[in-house]
Amino acid sequence: MQDYRKIPIKKEDIIPTAHRMRKEGVILSMIHGYLDGENIPHISYEYQIRDVIESYTVIGEWKVPSISEIYDDAAAWPERELNELFGFEFEGLDTSERLFLPDSMLSGQGHIIVTPMDELIENRYKKEGFEQ
């Protein structure tokens, strides 16, 4: 069984922690983010240390430094995803192109818009010139 440890850190600890982990050969498993019930942001950096996942978690920060210069695409991809889907800002991260959402959508708002299936089908038929 794998252990999981949640370790609170401050924004200024993100880069030194990433450098230390990289120097020790530790794998960055994932970067997660979410908004809690009070709309407070949580960003966690999960590192695989032998049979333990250590989750270094920053709470209450919308803007944090990117660790993509330290962990390359292992960090850049989840950072870009969190930027696009939640609006978290990662200082130094190239967000000039979107991963998932069209460039014309959301204008950096960082929120997912859900369209009901019947509306999507109706719009598709209209676009293709068919009547329902």
N, C-alpha and C. Protein backbone atom coordinates (compact mmCIF):
# COMPACT_ATOMS: atom_id res chain seq x y z
N MET A 1 0.83 -1.17 0.00
CA MET A 1 0.00 0.00 0.00
C MET A 1 0.88 1.25 0.00
N GLN A 2 0.44 2.26 -0.73
CA GLN A 2 1.21 3.48 -0.86
C GLN A 2 0.75 4.52 0.16
N ASP A 3 1.71 5.16 0.83
CA ASP A 3 1.40 6.22 1.79
C ASP A 3 1.21 7.53 1.05
N TYR A 4 0.39 8.40 1.63
CA TYR A 4 0.13 9.73 1.08
C TYR A 4 0.30 10.73 2.20
N ARG A 5 1.17 11.71 1.97
CA ARG A 5 1.41 12.73 2.99
C ARG A 5 1.12 14.11 2.40
N LYS A 6 0.26 14.86 3.04
CA LYS A 6 -0.05 16.22 2.61
C LYS A 6 0.75 17.19 3.47
N ILE A 7 1.56 18.01 2.79
CA ILE A 7 2.46 18.93 3.49
C ILE A 7 2.14 20.35 3.04
N PRO A 8 1.64 21.20 3.93
CA PRO A 8 1.35 22.58 3.54
C PRO A 8 2.65 23.37 3.33
N ILE A 9 2.66 24.15 2.24
CA ILE A 9 3.81 25.02 1.97
C ILE A 9 3.29 26.39 1.56
N LYS A 10 4.19 27.35 1.54
CA LYS A 10 3.88 28.70 1.08
C LYS A 10 4.32 28.83 -0.38
N LYS A 11 3.79 29.83 -1.04
CA LYS A 11 4.10 30.11 -2.44
C LYS A 11 5.62 30.18 -2.67
N GLU A 12 6.33 30.82 -1.76
CA GLU A 12 7.78 30.99 -1.93
C GLU A 12 8.56 29.68 -1.75
N ASP A 13 7.92 28.63 -1.27
CA ASP A 13 8.58 27.33 -1.08
C ASP A 13 8.49 26.43 -2.33
N ILE A 14 7.67 26.82 -3.31
CA ILE A 14 7.43 25.95 -4.47
C ILE A 14 8.71 25.68 -5.25
N ILE A 15 9.44 26.73 -5.62
CA ILE A 15 10.65 26.58 -6.43
C ILE A 15 11.75 25.84 -5.66
N PRO A 16 12.07 26.24 -4.42
CA PRO A 16 13.12 25.49 -3.70
C PRO A 16 12.76 24.01 -3.50
N THR A 17 11.49 23.72 -3.26
CA THR A 17 11.06 22.32 -3.10
C THR A 17 11.26 21.56 -4.40
N ALA A 18 10.86 22.15 -5.53
CA ALA A 18 11.01 21.49 -6.83
C ALA A 18 12.49 21.27 -7.16
N HIS A 19 13.34 22.27 -6.89
CA HIS A 19 14.78 22.11 -7.14
C HIS A 19 15.36 20.97 -6.29
N ARG A 20 14.97 20.93 -5.03
CA ARG A 20 15.47 19.88 -4.13
C ARG A 20 15.03 18.50 -4.62
N MET A 21 13.75 18.39 -4.98
CA MET A 21 13.24 17.10 -5.46
C MET A 21 13.94 16.67 -6.74
N ARG A 22 14.11 17.58 -7.66
CA ARG A 22 14.76 17.25 -8.94
C ARG A 22 16.20 16.82 -8.70
N LYS A 23 16.90 17.54 -7.84
CA LYS A 23 18.30 17.22 -7.52
C LYS A 23 18.41 15.82 -6.92
N GLU A 24 17.40 15.42 -6.13
CA GLU A 24 17.40 14.10 -5.49
C GLU A 24 16.85 13.01 -6.41
N GLY A 25 16.46 13.38 -7.64
CA GLY A 25 15.96 12.40 -8.60
C GLY A 25 14.53 11.96 -8.36
N VAL A 26 13.78 12.78 -7.64
CA VAL A 26 12.39 12.45 -7.30
C VAL A 26 11.49 12.78 -8.49
N ILE A 27 10.53 11.90 -8.74
CA ILE A 27 9.58 12.06 -9.85
C ILE A 27 8.44 12.98 -9.43
N LEU A 28 8.12 13.94 -10.31
CA LEU A 28 6.92 14.75 -10.13
C LEU A 28 5.76 13.93 -10.69
N SER A 29 4.87 13.47 -9.83
CA SER A 29 3.75 12.63 -10.27
C SER A 29 2.67 13.45 -10.95
N MET A 30 2.29 14.57 -10.34
CA MET A 30 1.22 15.39 -10.90
C MET A 30 1.14 16.70 -10.14
N ILE A 31 0.52 17.68 -10.79
CA ILE A 31 0.16 18.93 -10.13
C ILE A 31 -1.36 18.99 -10.20
N HIS A 32 -1.99 19.10 -9.06
CA HIS A 32 -3.46 19.16 -8.99
C HIS A 32 -3.89 20.53 -8.49
N GLY A 33 -5.09 20.91 -8.86
CA GLY A 33 -5.65 22.14 -8.35
C GLY A 33 -7.15 22.04 -8.28
N TYR A 34 -7.72 22.75 -7.34
CA TYR A 34 -9.18 22.81 -7.23
C TYR A 34 -9.56 24.02 -6.38
N LEU A 35 -10.83 24.35 -6.44
CA LEU A 35 -11.40 25.39 -5.59
C LEU A 35 -12.26 24.70 -4.55
N ASP A 36 -12.06 25.06 -3.29
CA ASP A 36 -12.87 24.43 -2.25
C ASP A 36 -14.26 25.08 -2.19
N GLY A 37 -15.07 24.67 -1.26
CA GLY A 37 -16.44 25.15 -1.14
C GLY A 37 -16.56 26.65 -0.93
N GLU A 38 -15.50 27.29 -0.50
CA GLU A 38 -15.49 28.74 -0.29
C GLU A 38 -14.77 29.46 -1.41
N ASN A 39 -14.52 28.76 -2.53
CA ASN A 39 -13.84 29.30 -3.72
C ASN A 39 -12.38 29.67 -3.44
N ILE A 40 -11.77 28.99 -2.50
CA ILE A 40 -10.36 29.20 -2.18
C ILE A 40 -9.53 28.21 -2.99
N PRO A 41 -8.52 28.71 -3.73
CA PRO A 41 -7.71 27.81 -4.55
C PRO A 41 -6.74 26.94 -3.74
N HIS A 42 -6.60 25.70 -4.19
CA HIS A 42 -5.63 24.76 -3.63
C HIS A 42 -4.82 24.21 -4.80
N ILE A 43 -3.50 24.29 -4.70
CA ILE A 43 -2.63 23.73 -5.73
C ILE A 43 -1.66 22.79 -5.02
N SER A 44 -1.61 21.54 -5.49
CA SER A 44 -0.72 20.57 -4.85
C SER A 44 0.25 19.98 -5.86
N TYR A 45 1.49 19.85 -5.41
CA TYR A 45 2.58 19.28 -6.20
C TYR A 45 2.88 17.92 -5.60
N GLU A 46 2.60 16.87 -6.35
CA GLU A 46 2.74 15.53 -5.81
C GLU A 46 4.00 14.86 -6.34
N TYR A 47 4.85 14.47 -5.42
CA TYR A 47 6.13 13.84 -5.74
C TYR A 47 6.13 12.39 -5.26
N GLN A 48 6.64 11.51 -6.10
CA GLN A 48 6.75 10.08 -5.78
C GLN A 48 8.11 9.83 -5.14
N ILE A 49 8.10 9.54 -3.85
CA ILE A 49 9.34 9.25 -3.12
C ILE A 49 9.25 7.83 -2.61
N ARG A 50 9.90 6.94 -3.35
CA ARG A 50 9.81 5.50 -3.11
C ARG A 50 8.34 5.08 -3.06
N ASP A 51 7.85 4.59 -1.93
CA ASP A 51 6.46 4.13 -1.86
C ASP A 51 5.53 5.16 -1.21
N VAL A 52 5.95 6.42 -1.24
CA VAL A 52 5.18 7.50 -0.61
C VAL A 52 4.92 8.61 -1.64
N ILE A 53 3.70 9.13 -1.65
CA ILE A 53 3.39 10.34 -2.40
C ILE A 53 3.40 11.48 -1.40
N GLU A 54 4.26 12.46 -1.62
CA GLU A 54 4.28 13.66 -0.78
C GLU A 54 3.61 14.76 -1.58
N SER A 55 2.54 15.31 -1.04
CA SER A 55 1.76 16.35 -1.70
C SER A 55 2.02 17.68 -1.01
N TYR A 56 2.81 18.52 -1.69
CA TYR A 56 3.13 19.85 -1.16
C TYR A 56 2.05 20.80 -1.65
N THR A 57 1.23 21.30 -0.73
CA THR A 57 0.01 22.02 -1.08
C THR A 57 0.07 23.49 -0.67
N VAL A 58 -0.26 24.34 -1.65
CA VAL A 58 -0.36 25.78 -1.44
C VAL A 58 -1.84 26.14 -1.44
N ILE A 59 -2.27 26.86 -0.43
CA ILE A 59 -3.69 27.23 -0.30
C ILE A 59 -3.83 28.75 -0.34
N GLY A 60 -4.82 29.21 -1.13
CA GLY A 60 -5.16 30.62 -1.15
C GLY A 60 -4.41 31.46 -2.15
N GLU A 61 -3.69 30.85 -3.06
CA GLU A 61 -2.91 31.59 -4.05
C GLU A 61 -3.43 31.32 -5.46
N TRP A 62 -3.77 32.38 -6.18
CA TRP A 62 -4.18 32.26 -7.59
C TRP A 62 -2.98 32.35 -8.52
N LYS A 63 -1.89 32.93 -8.04
CA LYS A 63 -0.70 33.15 -8.86
C LYS A 63 0.51 32.56 -8.14
N VAL A 64 1.16 31.59 -8.78
CA VAL A 64 2.33 30.92 -8.21
C VAL A 64 3.40 30.80 -9.29
N PRO A 65 4.65 30.56 -8.90
CA PRO A 65 5.69 30.39 -9.91
C PRO A 65 5.56 29.05 -10.62
N SER A 66 5.91 29.03 -11.89
CA SER A 66 5.92 27.79 -12.66
C SER A 66 7.17 26.98 -12.31
N ILE A 67 7.02 25.66 -12.29
CA ILE A 67 8.19 24.79 -12.11
C ILE A 67 8.52 24.08 -13.42
N SER A 68 7.99 24.59 -14.54
CA SER A 68 8.23 23.95 -15.84
C SER A 68 9.69 24.04 -16.27
N GLU A 69 10.43 25.02 -15.77
CA GLU A 69 11.86 25.11 -16.09
C GLU A 69 12.63 24.02 -15.34
N ILE A 70 12.06 23.50 -14.28
CA ILE A 70 12.73 22.48 -13.48
C ILE A 70 12.29 21.08 -13.91
N TYR A 71 10.98 20.89 -14.14
CA TYR A 71 10.44 19.57 -14.47
C TYR A 71 9.89 19.48 -15.90
N ASP A 72 10.25 20.42 -16.75
CA ASP A 72 9.89 20.38 -18.17
C ASP A 72 8.40 20.13 -18.38
N ASP A 73 8.06 19.26 -19.35
CA ASP A 73 6.66 19.00 -19.69
C ASP A 73 5.88 18.30 -18.58
N ALA A 74 6.58 17.62 -17.69
CA ALA A 74 5.89 16.97 -16.56
C ALA A 74 5.18 18.02 -15.71
N ALA A 75 5.71 19.24 -15.70
CA ALA A 75 5.07 20.34 -14.96
C ALA A 75 4.29 21.25 -15.90
N ALA A 76 4.81 21.50 -17.10
CA ALA A 76 4.17 22.46 -18.01
C ALA A 76 2.76 22.04 -18.38
N TRP A 77 2.56 20.77 -18.68
CA TRP A 77 1.23 20.32 -19.10
C TRP A 77 0.18 20.53 -18.00
N PRO A 78 0.38 20.01 -16.78
CA PRO A 78 -0.65 20.24 -15.76
C PRO A 78 -0.79 21.71 -15.37
N GLU A 79 0.30 22.48 -15.43
CA GLU A 79 0.19 23.91 -15.14
C GLU A 79 -0.67 24.60 -16.19
N ARG A 80 -0.46 24.28 -17.46
CA ARG A 80 -1.27 24.87 -18.53
C ARG A 80 -2.73 24.45 -18.39
N GLU A 81 -2.95 23.20 -18.03
CA GLU A 81 -4.32 22.71 -17.84
C GLU A 81 -5.01 23.46 -16.72
N LEU A 82 -4.34 23.64 -15.59
CA LEU A 82 -4.92 24.36 -14.46
C LEU A 82 -5.14 25.84 -14.79
N ASN A 83 -4.26 26.39 -15.60
CA ASN A 83 -4.44 27.77 -16.04
C ASN A 83 -5.68 27.90 -16.90
N GLU A 84 -5.83 26.99 -17.83
CA GLU A 84 -6.95 27.06 -18.76
C GLU A 84 -8.29 26.75 -18.11
N LEU A 85 -8.32 25.75 -17.27
CA LEU A 85 -9.60 25.31 -16.71
C LEU A 85 -10.03 26.05 -15.45
N PHE A 86 -9.06 26.54 -14.66
CA PHE A 86 -9.41 27.21 -13.41
C PHE A 86 -9.00 28.67 -13.35
N GLY A 87 -8.08 29.07 -14.23
CA GLY A 87 -7.60 30.45 -14.20
C GLY A 87 -6.43 30.67 -13.27
N PHE A 88 -5.81 29.59 -12.77
CA PHE A 88 -4.61 29.75 -11.96
C PHE A 88 -3.50 30.31 -12.86
N GLU A 89 -2.69 31.22 -12.31
CA GLU A 89 -1.58 31.79 -13.07
C GLU A 89 -0.27 31.19 -12.58
N PHE A 90 0.56 30.74 -13.53
CA PHE A 90 1.87 30.20 -13.22
C PHE A 90 2.90 31.12 -13.85
N GLU A 91 3.58 31.90 -13.01
CA GLU A 91 4.54 32.89 -13.47
C GLU A 91 5.65 32.21 -14.26
N GLY A 92 5.88 32.71 -15.49
CA GLY A 92 6.93 32.17 -16.34
C GLY A 92 6.46 31.08 -17.28
N LEU A 93 5.21 30.68 -17.19
CA LEU A 93 4.67 29.62 -18.05
C LEU A 93 4.12 30.21 -19.34
N ASP A 94 4.45 29.60 -20.46
CA ASP A 94 3.92 30.05 -21.76
C ASP A 94 2.49 29.55 -21.91
N THR A 95 1.55 30.46 -21.89
CA THR A 95 0.13 30.11 -22.06
C THR A 95 -0.43 30.74 -23.34
N SER A 96 0.45 30.96 -24.33
CA SER A 96 0.02 31.63 -25.56
C SER A 96 -0.93 30.78 -26.40
N GLU A 97 -0.92 29.48 -26.20
CA GLU A 97 -1.84 28.59 -26.92
C GLU A 97 -2.64 27.78 -25.91
N ARG A 98 -3.86 27.45 -26.29
CA ARG A 98 -4.73 26.66 -25.42
C ARG A 98 -4.46 25.17 -25.61
N LEU A 99 -4.72 24.41 -24.58
CA LEU A 99 -4.61 22.95 -24.67
C LEU A 99 -5.90 22.34 -25.19
N PHE A 100 -7.04 22.75 -24.61
CA PHE A 100 -8.31 22.10 -24.89
C PHE A 100 -9.36 23.02 -25.50
N LEU A 101 -9.51 24.18 -24.92
CA LEU A 101 -10.61 25.06 -25.28
C LEU A 101 -10.22 25.96 -26.46
N PRO A 102 -11.16 26.32 -27.31
CA PRO A 102 -10.84 27.19 -28.44
C PRO A 102 -10.37 28.56 -27.96
N ASP A 103 -9.47 29.18 -28.72
CA ASP A 103 -8.94 30.48 -28.35
C ASP A 103 -10.02 31.54 -28.22
N SER A 104 -11.10 31.41 -28.97
CA SER A 104 -12.17 32.41 -28.95
C SER A 104 -13.06 32.28 -27.72
N MET A 105 -12.88 31.24 -26.94
CA MET A 105 -13.77 30.97 -25.82
C MET A 105 -13.16 31.44 -24.51
N LEU A 106 -13.95 32.05 -23.68
CA LEU A 106 -13.65 32.37 -22.29
C LEU A 106 -12.71 33.55 -22.06
N SER A 107 -11.96 33.97 -23.02
CA SER A 107 -11.07 35.12 -22.89
C SER A 107 -10.30 35.11 -21.57
N GLY A 108 -9.72 33.98 -21.20
CA GLY A 108 -8.91 33.88 -20.00
C GLY A 108 -9.68 33.82 -18.70
N GLN A 109 -10.98 33.62 -18.77
CA GLN A 109 -11.80 33.57 -17.56
C GLN A 109 -11.49 32.33 -16.72
N GLY A 110 -11.07 31.24 -17.37
CA GLY A 110 -10.70 30.05 -16.62
C GLY A 110 -11.87 29.25 -16.09
N HIS A 111 -12.99 29.26 -16.78
CA HIS A 111 -14.14 28.49 -16.34
C HIS A 111 -14.65 27.62 -17.48
N ILE A 112 -15.13 26.46 -17.15
CA ILE A 112 -15.68 25.55 -18.14
C ILE A 112 -17.16 25.88 -18.32
N ILE A 113 -17.59 25.99 -19.57
CA ILE A 113 -18.99 26.20 -19.86
C ILE A 113 -19.57 24.87 -20.32
N VAL A 114 -20.63 24.45 -19.69
CA VAL A 114 -21.25 23.18 -20.04
C VAL A 114 -22.53 23.48 -20.82
N THR A 115 -22.62 22.91 -22.03
CA THR A 115 -23.80 23.08 -22.87
C THR A 115 -24.61 21.79 -22.83
N PRO A 116 -25.92 21.88 -22.60
CA PRO A 116 -26.75 20.68 -22.57
C PRO A 116 -26.69 19.93 -23.91
N MET A 117 -26.74 18.61 -23.84
CA MET A 117 -26.61 17.77 -25.03
C MET A 117 -27.66 18.11 -26.09
N ASP A 118 -28.91 18.35 -25.69
CA ASP A 118 -29.94 18.65 -26.69
C ASP A 118 -29.63 19.95 -27.44
N GLU A 119 -29.04 20.91 -26.76
CA GLU A 119 -28.65 22.16 -27.42
C GLU A 119 -27.49 21.93 -28.38
N LEU A 120 -26.52 21.10 -27.99
CA LEU A 120 -25.42 20.77 -28.89
C LEU A 120 -25.92 20.09 -30.15
N ILE A 121 -26.84 19.15 -30.00
CA ILE A 121 -27.39 18.43 -31.15
C ILE A 121 -28.17 19.39 -32.05
N GLU A 122 -28.99 20.23 -31.45
CA GLU A 122 -29.77 21.20 -32.21
C GLU A 122 -28.85 22.13 -33.01
N ASN A 123 -27.79 22.64 -32.36
CA ASN A 123 -26.85 23.53 -33.04
C ASN A 123 -26.09 22.81 -34.15
N ARG A 124 -25.77 21.56 -33.96
CA ARG A 124 -25.06 20.79 -34.99
C ARG A 124 -25.95 20.61 -36.22
N TYR A 125 -27.21 20.27 -36.01
CA TYR A 125 -28.12 20.11 -37.14
C TYR A 125 -28.29 21.42 -37.90
N LYS A 126 -28.41 22.52 -37.17
CA LYS A 126 -28.54 23.83 -37.81
C LYS A 126 -27.29 24.16 -38.62
N LYS A 127 -26.13 23.88 -38.06
CA LYS A 127 -24.85 24.17 -38.72
C LYS A 127 -24.71 23.36 -40.01
N GLU A 128 -25.19 22.13 -39.99
CA GLU A 128 -25.07 21.26 -41.15
C GLU A 128 -26.22 21.45 -42.14
N GLY A 129 -27.17 22.35 -41.79
CA GLY A 129 -28.28 22.64 -42.71
C GLY A 129 -29.42 21.64 -42.67
N PHE A 130 -29.53 20.88 -41.61
CA PHE A 130 -30.61 19.89 -41.47
C PHE A 130 -31.66 20.39 -40.50
N GLU A 131 -32.87 19.96 -40.74
CA GLU A 131 -33.96 20.23 -39.80
C GLU A 131 -34.07 19.04 -38.85
N GLN A 132 -34.47 19.30 -37.65
CA GLN A 132 -34.62 18.20 -36.68
C GLN A 132 -35.92 17.49 -36.86
